[in-house]
């Protein structure tokens, strides 16, 4: 493993690298928005679950509520 070889590694131009970075930054922004939306939906779903269970156990939830 001590032997080193010259290996050609292709490298994109600076302009292409900047374009890739820009596109990745946009994808990161979109991903963060989606992540925030997902977390908010999970919180809302948890609150809805708690509310439904509360109503079910206190007798406020009846079959007619689903008709």
Protein backbone atom coordinates (compact mmCIF):
# COMPACT_ATOMS: atom_id res chain seq x y z
CA UNK A 1 0.00 0.00 0.00
CA UNK A 2 3.01 2.29 0.08
CA UNK A 3 3.00 2.47 -3.69
CA UNK A 4 1.40 5.65 -5.02
CA UNK A 5 0.07 5.96 -8.51
CA UNK A 6 -0.86 8.96 -10.54
CA UNK A 7 -4.58 8.82 -11.04
CA UNK A 8 -6.48 11.32 -13.12
CA UNK A 9 -9.46 12.66 -11.21
CA UNK A 10 -11.93 14.66 -13.27
CA UNK A 11 -12.84 18.01 -11.74
CA UNK A 12 -15.65 20.21 -12.94
CA UNK A 13 -14.94 23.80 -13.86
CA UNK A 14 -15.34 26.44 -11.17
CA UNK A 15 -18.49 27.71 -12.90
CA UNK A 16 -20.01 24.21 -12.89
CA UNK A 17 -19.05 23.70 -9.23
CA UNK A 18 -20.72 27.00 -8.31
CA UNK A 19 -23.85 25.95 -10.21
CA UNK A 20 -23.92 22.63 -8.32
CA UNK A 21 -23.49 24.41 -4.98
CA UNK A 22 -26.28 26.82 -5.85
CA UNK A 23 -28.62 23.98 -6.79
CA UNK A 24 -27.76 22.09 -3.61
CA UNK A 25 -28.42 25.20 -1.51
CA UNK A 26 -31.86 25.54 -3.12
CA UNK A 27 -32.60 21.89 -2.40
CA UNK A 28 -31.52 22.37 1.22
CA UNK A 29 -33.90 25.32 1.55
CA UNK A 30 -36.78 23.29 0.11
CA UNK A 31 -35.91 20.35 2.34
CA UNK A 32 -35.93 22.58 5.42
CA UNK A 33 -39.35 24.00 4.50
CA UNK A 34 -40.73 20.50 3.98
CA UNK A 35 -39.20 19.33 7.26
CA UNK A 36 -40.79 22.24 9.14
CA UNK A 37 -44.17 21.57 7.49
CA UNK A 38 -43.93 17.88 8.36
CA UNK A 39 -43.07 18.62 11.99
CA UNK A 40 -45.99 21.08 12.23
CA UNK A 41 -48.37 18.50 10.76
CA UNK A 42 -47.16 15.91 13.27
CA UNK A 43 -47.76 18.34 16.14
CA UNK A 44 -51.24 19.18 14.83
CA UNK A 45 -52.03 15.47 14.46
CA UNK A 46 -50.89 14.81 18.02
CA UNK A 47 -53.11 17.64 19.29
CA UNK A 48 -56.06 16.27 17.32
CA UNK A 49 -55.45 12.80 18.75
CA UNK A 50 -55.39 14.20 22.30
CA UNK A 51 -58.54 16.20 21.65
CA UNK A 52 -60.42 13.20 20.27
CA UNK A 53 -59.35 10.99 23.16
CA UNK A 54 -60.36 13.68 25.65
CA UNK A 55 -63.81 13.95 24.04
CA UNK A 56 -64.18 10.17 23.84
CA UNK A 57 -63.38 9.68 27.53
CA UNK A 58 -65.61 12.52 28.69
CA UNK A 59 -68.58 11.33 26.64
CA UNK A 60 -68.55 14.33 24.32
CA UNK A 61 -67.77 12.18 21.29
CA UNK A 62 -70.68 10.15 19.94
CA UNK A 63 -71.51 8.21 16.80
CA UNK A 64 -73.53 11.15 15.46
CA UNK A 65 -70.31 13.19 15.34
CA UNK A 66 -69.12 10.89 12.55
CA UNK A 67 -72.38 10.82 10.55
